N, C-alpha and C. Protein backbone atom coordinates (compact mmCIF):
# COMPACT_ATOMS: atom_id res chain seq x y z
N MET A 1 7.37 -33.11 291.74
CA MET A 1 7.16 -31.69 291.89
C MET A 1 8.04 -31.13 293.00
N ASN A 2 8.48 -29.91 292.78
CA ASN A 2 9.34 -29.27 293.76
C ASN A 2 8.54 -28.18 294.46
N GLU A 3 7.91 -28.51 295.59
CA GLU A 3 7.06 -27.55 296.29
C GLU A 3 7.85 -26.86 297.38
N MET A 4 7.61 -25.57 297.49
CA MET A 4 8.25 -24.79 298.56
C MET A 4 7.44 -24.96 299.83
N PRO A 5 8.10 -25.14 300.96
CA PRO A 5 7.33 -25.23 302.21
C PRO A 5 6.67 -23.89 302.52
N VAL A 6 5.46 -23.95 302.98
CA VAL A 6 4.70 -22.73 303.29
C VAL A 6 4.99 -22.35 304.73
N SER A 7 5.53 -21.13 304.90
CA SER A 7 5.80 -20.67 306.26
C SER A 7 4.54 -19.99 306.80
N PRO A 8 4.29 -20.16 308.08
CA PRO A 8 3.10 -19.50 308.66
C PRO A 8 3.30 -17.98 308.64
N GLU A 9 2.21 -17.27 308.40
CA GLU A 9 2.30 -15.81 308.35
C GLU A 9 2.54 -15.25 309.74
N ALA A 10 3.38 -14.24 309.81
CA ALA A 10 3.63 -13.58 311.09
C ALA A 10 2.39 -12.79 311.47
N PRO A 11 2.07 -12.76 312.74
CA PRO A 11 0.90 -11.98 313.17
C PRO A 11 1.12 -10.50 312.88
N LYS A 12 0.05 -9.79 312.51
CA LYS A 12 0.17 -8.37 312.21
C LYS A 12 0.51 -7.60 313.48
N LYS A 13 1.37 -6.62 313.30
CA LYS A 13 1.72 -5.78 314.45
C LYS A 13 0.61 -4.76 314.68
N ASN A 14 0.36 -4.47 315.94
CA ASN A 14 -0.66 -3.50 316.30
C ASN A 14 0.00 -2.13 316.39
N ASN A 15 -0.33 -1.25 315.45
CA ASN A 15 0.28 0.07 315.40
C ASN A 15 -0.54 1.14 316.11
N THR A 16 -1.54 0.75 316.86
CA THR A 16 -2.44 1.72 317.50
C THR A 16 -1.68 2.64 318.44
N MET A 17 -0.79 2.08 319.25
CA MET A 17 -0.07 2.90 320.22
C MET A 17 0.86 3.89 319.52
N ILE A 18 1.45 3.50 318.42
CA ILE A 18 2.33 4.41 317.69
C ILE A 18 1.52 5.56 317.11
N ILE A 19 0.36 5.25 316.55
CA ILE A 19 -0.49 6.29 315.97
C ILE A 19 -0.97 7.26 317.06
N VAL A 20 -1.38 6.73 318.19
CA VAL A 20 -1.84 7.58 319.29
C VAL A 20 -0.69 8.47 319.77
N ALA A 21 0.51 7.92 319.90
CA ALA A 21 1.65 8.71 320.36
C ALA A 21 1.98 9.83 319.37
N VAL A 22 1.92 9.54 318.08
CA VAL A 22 2.21 10.57 317.08
C VAL A 22 1.17 11.67 317.15
N VAL A 23 -0.09 11.32 317.28
CA VAL A 23 -1.16 12.32 317.36
C VAL A 23 -0.98 13.19 318.60
N VAL A 24 -0.64 12.58 319.73
CA VAL A 24 -0.44 13.34 320.96
C VAL A 24 0.73 14.31 320.82
N VAL A 25 1.81 13.84 320.22
CA VAL A 25 2.98 14.71 320.04
C VAL A 25 2.66 15.87 319.12
N VAL A 26 1.93 15.62 318.04
CA VAL A 26 1.57 16.69 317.10
C VAL A 26 0.65 17.71 317.79
N LEU A 27 -0.33 17.24 318.54
CA LEU A 27 -1.22 18.17 319.26
C LEU A 27 -0.45 18.98 320.29
N PHE A 28 0.49 18.34 320.99
CA PHE A 28 1.30 19.04 321.98
C PHE A 28 2.13 20.14 321.31
N CYS A 29 2.73 19.82 320.18
CA CYS A 29 3.53 20.81 319.46
C CYS A 29 2.66 21.98 318.97
N CYS A 30 1.46 21.67 318.50
CA CYS A 30 0.55 22.74 318.06
C CYS A 30 0.15 23.64 319.22
N CYS A 31 -0.13 23.05 320.37
CA CYS A 31 -0.50 23.84 321.54
C CYS A 31 0.66 24.72 321.99
N CYS A 32 1.87 24.17 321.98
CA CYS A 32 3.05 24.96 322.36
C CYS A 32 3.25 26.12 321.40
N ALA A 33 3.11 25.86 320.11
CA ALA A 33 3.27 26.92 319.12
C ALA A 33 2.22 28.01 319.31
N PHE A 34 0.99 27.61 319.59
CA PHE A 34 -0.09 28.57 319.81
C PHE A 34 0.19 29.44 321.04
N LEU A 35 0.62 28.80 322.13
CA LEU A 35 0.92 29.54 323.35
C LEU A 35 2.12 30.47 323.17
N LEU A 36 3.15 29.99 322.50
CA LEU A 36 4.32 30.84 322.27
C LEU A 36 3.97 32.01 321.35
N GLY A 37 3.14 31.75 320.35
CA GLY A 37 2.70 32.84 319.47
C GLY A 37 1.91 33.88 320.24
N GLY A 38 1.05 33.44 321.13
CA GLY A 38 0.30 34.38 321.97
C GLY A 38 1.20 35.14 322.92
N TRP A 39 2.23 34.47 323.41
CA TRP A 39 3.16 35.12 324.34
C TRP A 39 3.95 36.23 323.63
N PHE A 40 4.45 35.95 322.44
CA PHE A 40 5.29 36.91 321.74
C PHE A 40 4.49 37.97 320.99
N PHE A 41 3.32 37.59 320.45
CA PHE A 41 2.56 38.51 319.61
C PHE A 41 1.22 38.90 320.23
N GLY A 42 1.03 38.63 321.51
CA GLY A 42 -0.25 38.90 322.17
C GLY A 42 -0.64 40.35 322.13
N ASP A 43 0.29 41.25 322.42
CA ASP A 43 -0.02 42.68 322.42
C ASP A 43 -0.42 43.15 321.03
N GLN A 44 0.28 42.70 320.01
CA GLN A 44 -0.05 43.08 318.64
C GLN A 44 -1.42 42.57 318.24
N ILE A 45 -1.76 41.35 318.68
CA ILE A 45 -3.07 40.77 318.34
C ILE A 45 -4.18 41.56 319.00
N VAL A 46 -4.00 41.93 320.27
CA VAL A 46 -5.02 42.69 320.99
C VAL A 46 -5.19 44.07 320.35
N GLN A 47 -4.08 44.72 319.98
CA GLN A 47 -4.17 46.04 319.36
C GLN A 47 -4.86 45.96 318.00
N SER A 48 -4.60 44.90 317.23
CA SER A 48 -5.22 44.78 315.92
C SER A 48 -6.71 44.50 316.04
N LEU A 49 -7.12 43.92 317.16
CA LEU A 49 -8.55 43.67 317.39
C LEU A 49 -9.24 44.90 317.96
N GLY A 50 -8.50 45.94 318.28
CA GLY A 50 -9.08 47.19 318.76
C GLY A 50 -9.26 47.21 320.26
N GLY A 51 -8.47 46.40 320.98
CA GLY A 51 -8.63 46.33 322.42
C GLY A 51 -7.75 47.18 323.21
């Protein structure tokens, strides 16, 4: 019989830090967009709310 040697499986990589970094970057971008939107359109938003 011609058997192939079995190679040991490589340990799984831990992607937790990558996932956390992506989530932090996305939240940071959302906060920046929200603040910039308030900065540029704040007066219009207040006027539309009747303030």
